[in-house]
Protein backbone atom coordinates (compact mmCIF):
# COMPACT_ATOMS: atom_id res chain seq x y z
CA ARG A 1 -8.46 49.63 58.76
CA CYS A 2 -8.65 49.59 54.60
CA SER A 3 -6.37 51.99 52.99
CA ARG A 4 -7.58 54.49 50.09
CA ASP A 5 -4.66 52.62 48.27
CA SER A 6 -6.18 48.91 48.11
CA SER A 7 -6.57 47.46 45.29
CA LEU A 8 -10.67 46.92 46.09
CA TYR A 9 -11.26 50.40 46.04
CA THR A 10 -11.23 53.02 43.51
CA ARG A 11 -12.51 56.86 43.19
CA GLU A 12 -13.23 56.53 39.70
CA PRO A 13 -16.39 53.67 39.50
CA TRP A 14 -15.60 53.43 35.89
CA ALA A 15 -12.51 51.62 35.81
CA LEU A 16 -14.23 48.35 37.05
CA PRO A 17 -15.74 47.93 33.59
CA ARG A 18 -12.86 48.69 31.57
CA GLN A 19 -10.90 45.95 33.59
CA LEU A 20 -13.43 43.73 32.54
CA ILE A 21 -14.08 44.62 29.42
CA LYS A 22 -10.39 44.16 28.90
CA LEU A 23 -10.67 40.41 30.40
CA GLU A 24 -13.25 39.90 27.53
CA PHE A 25 -11.72 40.46 24.96
CA ASP A 26 -8.40 38.56 26.29
CA ALA A 27 -10.58 35.75 26.78
CA GLY A 28 -12.12 36.47 23.61
CA GLY A 29 -8.85 36.38 21.90
CA ILE A 30 -7.88 33.07 23.65
CA SER A 31 -11.27 31.52 22.21
CA MET A 32 -10.50 32.70 18.51
CA LYS A 33 -7.25 31.44 18.88
CA LYS A 34 -8.76 27.67 19.64
CA ARG A 35 -11.28 27.75 17.51
CA ILE A 36 -8.40 28.52 14.77
CA GLY A 37 -6.36 25.83 15.82
CA LEU A 38 -9.02 23.23 16.00
CA THR A 39 -10.02 24.07 12.18
CA ILE A 40 -6.73 23.77 11.36
CA ALA A 41 -6.13 20.39 13.24
CA ILE A 42 -9.77 18.98 11.22
CA VAL A 43 -8.78 20.39 7.78
CA ILE A 44 -5.28 18.95 8.17
CA ALA A 45 -7.10 15.51 9.38
CA VAL A 46 -9.63 15.50 6.47
CA LEU A 47 -6.22 15.67 3.99
CA ILE A 48 -4.84 12.70 5.75
CA ILE A 49 -7.70 10.85 5.71
CA GLY A 50 -8.70 12.00 2.17
CA LEU A 51 -5.09 10.73 0.79
CA LEU A 52 -5.00 7.31 2.34
CA SER A 53 -8.72 6.77 1.13
CA TRP A 54 -7.55 7.86 -2.20
CA GLN A 55 -4.08 5.52 -1.45
CA PHE A 56 -6.17 2.64 -0.33
CA TRP A 57 -9.17 2.48 -2.75
CA PRO A 58 -8.99 -0.78 -4.72
CA GLN A 59 -8.00 -0.29 -8.30
CA SER A 60 -8.51 -2.11 -11.35
CA ALA A 61 -5.45 -4.15 -13.32
CA ALA A 62 -5.19 -1.86 -15.75
CA SER A 63 -4.95 1.30 -13.18
CA VAL A 64 -1.88 -1.93 -11.11
CA MET A 65 -0.15 -1.69 -14.39
CA SER A 66 -0.47 1.66 -15.32
CA VAL A 67 0.15 0.74 -18.93
CA SER A 68 -2.58 0.06 -22.03
CA GLU A 69 -3.13 -3.00 -22.16
CA ASP A 70 -3.22 -2.18 -26.05
CA THR A 71 0.95 -2.44 -25.45
CA ILE A 72 1.19 -6.03 -23.53
CA THR A 73 1.65 -8.40 -26.30
CA SER A 74 2.82 -11.44 -25.09
CA PHE A 75 3.30 -13.35 -21.70
CA ALA A 76 5.05 -16.21 -19.24
CA ALA A 77 3.49 -18.02 -16.59
CA TYR A 78 5.15 -20.44 -13.90
CA GLY A 79 3.50 -21.92 -11.36
CA MET A 80 4.19 -24.32 -8.10
CA LEU A 81 1.21 -26.18 -7.48
CA ASP A 82 -0.46 -28.78 -4.96
CA SER A 83 2.83 -28.69 -2.94
CA PHE A 84 0.84 -29.75 0.51
CA GLU A 85 0.39 -33.19 -1.68
CA MET A 86 2.84 -36.08 -1.01
CA GLY A 87 5.12 -33.67 0.20
CA TYR A 88 6.27 -31.98 -3.20
CA CYS A 89 4.59 -29.52 -5.32
CA ASP A 90 3.55 -29.96 -9.34
CA LEU A 91 5.44 -27.45 -11.53
CA TYR A 92 3.75 -25.89 -14.54
CA SER A 93 5.09 -23.66 -16.82
CA ILE A 94 3.56 -21.61 -19.94
CA ASN A 95 6.56 -20.01 -21.72
CA SER A 96 8.23 -18.77 -24.74
CA PRO A 97 10.24 -16.03 -26.32
CA ALA A 98 7.85 -14.95 -29.55
CA PRO A 99 5.91 -12.49 -28.40
CA ILE A 100 3.28 -13.77 -30.88
CA SER A 101 3.13 -17.03 -29.55
CA ASN A 102 1.13 -16.54 -26.24
CA GLU A 103 -1.82 -14.30 -27.02
CA PRO A 104 -1.94 -12.26 -22.96
CA GLY A 105 -5.68 -11.87 -23.85
CA GLU A 106 -7.92 -14.46 -21.40
CA ILE A 107 -4.88 -13.71 -18.88
CA LEU A 108 -6.37 -10.07 -18.73
CA GLU A 109 -9.62 -10.85 -18.36
CA ILE A 110 -8.56 -13.01 -15.85
CA LEU A 111 -6.79 -10.16 -13.92
CA ALA A 112 -9.51 -7.85 -14.33
CA MET A 113 -12.04 -9.71 -12.71
CA SER A 114 -10.40 -8.27 -8.96
CA LYS A 115 -9.82 -4.84 -8.11
CA TYR A 116 -6.39 -4.37 -6.20
CA GLN A 117 -6.22 -2.80 -2.87
CA GLN A 118 -2.37 -1.61 -1.30
CA ASP A 119 -1.09 -2.50 1.50
CA PHE A 120 -0.21 -0.53 3.84
CA ARG A 121 4.05 -1.53 3.13
CA ASN A 122 4.11 0.62 -0.28
CA LEU A 123 3.87 3.64 1.83
CA LEU A 124 7.21 3.23 3.80
CA PRO A 125 10.43 5.09 1.83
CA TRP A 126 12.97 2.84 2.29
CA GLY A 127 10.46 -0.35 0.05
CA VAL A 128 10.28 -3.28 0.60
CA ASP A 129 12.33 -6.31 0.30
CA GLY A 130 10.56 -9.03 0.86
CA VAL A 131 6.82 -10.60 1.60
CA SER A 132 5.87 -14.00 2.73
CA ALA A 133 2.73 -15.87 2.19
CA ASP A 134 -0.52 -14.95 4.37
CA LYS A 135 -3.27 -17.25 6.14
CA ASN A 136 -4.40 -18.39 3.06
CA TYR A 137 -1.56 -19.77 1.57
CA ASP A 138 -3.36 -23.24 0.27
CA GLY A 139 0.03 -24.76 -1.62
CA ASN A 140 0.05 -22.67 -4.49
CA MET A 141 1.41 -19.69 -6.12
CA VAL A 142 1.54 -18.21 -9.32
CA THR A 143 4.13 -15.52 -11.54
CA LEU A 144 2.94 -14.16 -14.24
CA SER A 145 5.31 -11.59 -16.59
CA LEU A 146 3.25 -9.72 -18.83
CA TYR A 147 5.74 -8.36 -21.63
CA PHE A 148 5.52 -5.05 -23.98
CA GLN A 149 6.03 -4.94 -27.87
CA ASP A 150 9.71 -6.95 -28.42
CA LYS A 151 10.00 -7.29 -24.49
CA GLN A 152 11.60 -4.45 -24.05
CA GLY A 153 9.55 -4.17 -20.30
CA TYR A 154 7.50 -6.41 -18.29
CA ILE A 155 5.22 -6.13 -15.51
CA GLU A 156 5.03 -9.15 -12.82
CA PHE A 157 2.19 -10.84 -11.18
CA GLN A 158 3.34 -13.05 -8.34
CA PHE A 159 0.08 -14.67 -6.67
CA LEU A 160 1.27 -16.02 -3.14
CA SER A 161 -2.07 -16.69 -1.91
CA ASN A 162 -5.39 -15.54 -2.86
CA SER A 163 -5.17 -12.71 -1.13
CA ILE A 164 -1.90 -11.52 -1.83
CA VAL A 165 -0.39 -10.37 -4.95
CA VAL A 166 3.49 -9.14 -5.13
CA VAL A 167 3.48 -6.31 -8.55
CA ARG A 168 7.03 -6.07 -10.03
CA THR A 169 7.66 -3.54 -12.84
CA SER A 170 10.50 -3.10 -15.22
CA ASP A 171 11.46 0.55 -14.45
CA GLN A 172 10.48 0.97 -11.12
CA PRO A 173 13.25 -1.02 -9.16
CA ASN A 174 10.91 -1.57 -5.74
CA MET A 175 8.00 -4.07 -5.27
CA ARG A 176 4.56 -3.42 -4.58
CA ILE A 177 2.00 -5.25 -2.36
CA TYR A 178 -1.87 -5.50 -3.05
CA HIS A 179 -4.78 -7.98 -1.96
CA PRO A 180 -6.67 -8.70 -4.55
CA THR A 181 -10.91 -8.41 -3.53
CA ASN A 182 -12.28 -10.97 -5.70
CA SER A 183 -10.27 -14.72 -4.29
CA ALA A 184 -11.48 -16.78 -7.75
CA THR A 185 -8.79 -14.84 -9.27
CA PHE A 186 -6.43 -16.86 -8.40
CA GLU A 187 -8.58 -19.78 -8.89
CA LYS A 188 -8.39 -19.27 -12.45
CA LEU A 189 -5.26 -18.18 -12.45
CA VAL A 190 -4.59 -22.16 -11.19
CA GLU A 191 -7.14 -23.68 -13.22
CA TYR A 192 -5.78 -22.00 -16.36
CA LEU A 193 -2.17 -23.01 -15.38
CA LYS A 194 -2.63 -26.89 -14.87
CA THR A 195 -5.37 -27.13 -18.71
CA HIS A 196 -2.92 -24.65 -21.19
CA GLY A 197 0.86 -25.08 -19.00
CA VAL A 198 3.22 -27.36 -19.65
CA LEU A 199 4.01 -29.82 -16.23
CA GLN A 200 7.85 -29.99 -15.90
């Protein structure tokens, strides 16, 4: 027998459409929540991609230094060159305590030949304690120290190869790592040191 109280039977023929309408509304609510969640996820992803793109977009040398080039009045340079020849290296240096002795114009022009792309390690909250040369190391390393007026501050560029440079400043405790986009910048610095530096 089929009971009159069976769930498959109703005395009210309009009750079933009402139940279907309720189910449609419930499904619509779930679908709307999914769409909202997906939209929020897309917006967050776009913001993260935009932030990372801005963070890792190649910067000019002036942007890396974050100071006006007019405030840089002198520089010092030091290079360990030709380290693979005969098992030793040649040490070249350009250094003078007098701010007007070493005009930084040509050095700044060489640095400006390249853009500098940030390394992902710059995002680490605890900073970077050390970095080594990469596969492009050719036996040459060059360190530049650019000094402000009266040498109250400095910016240091340490080229470990033609594709990696470490930047330090007097007002920031942590080093920053960049990748030059133009390898000729490093080659020009090596040439400059050999031409104008003093062989130790």
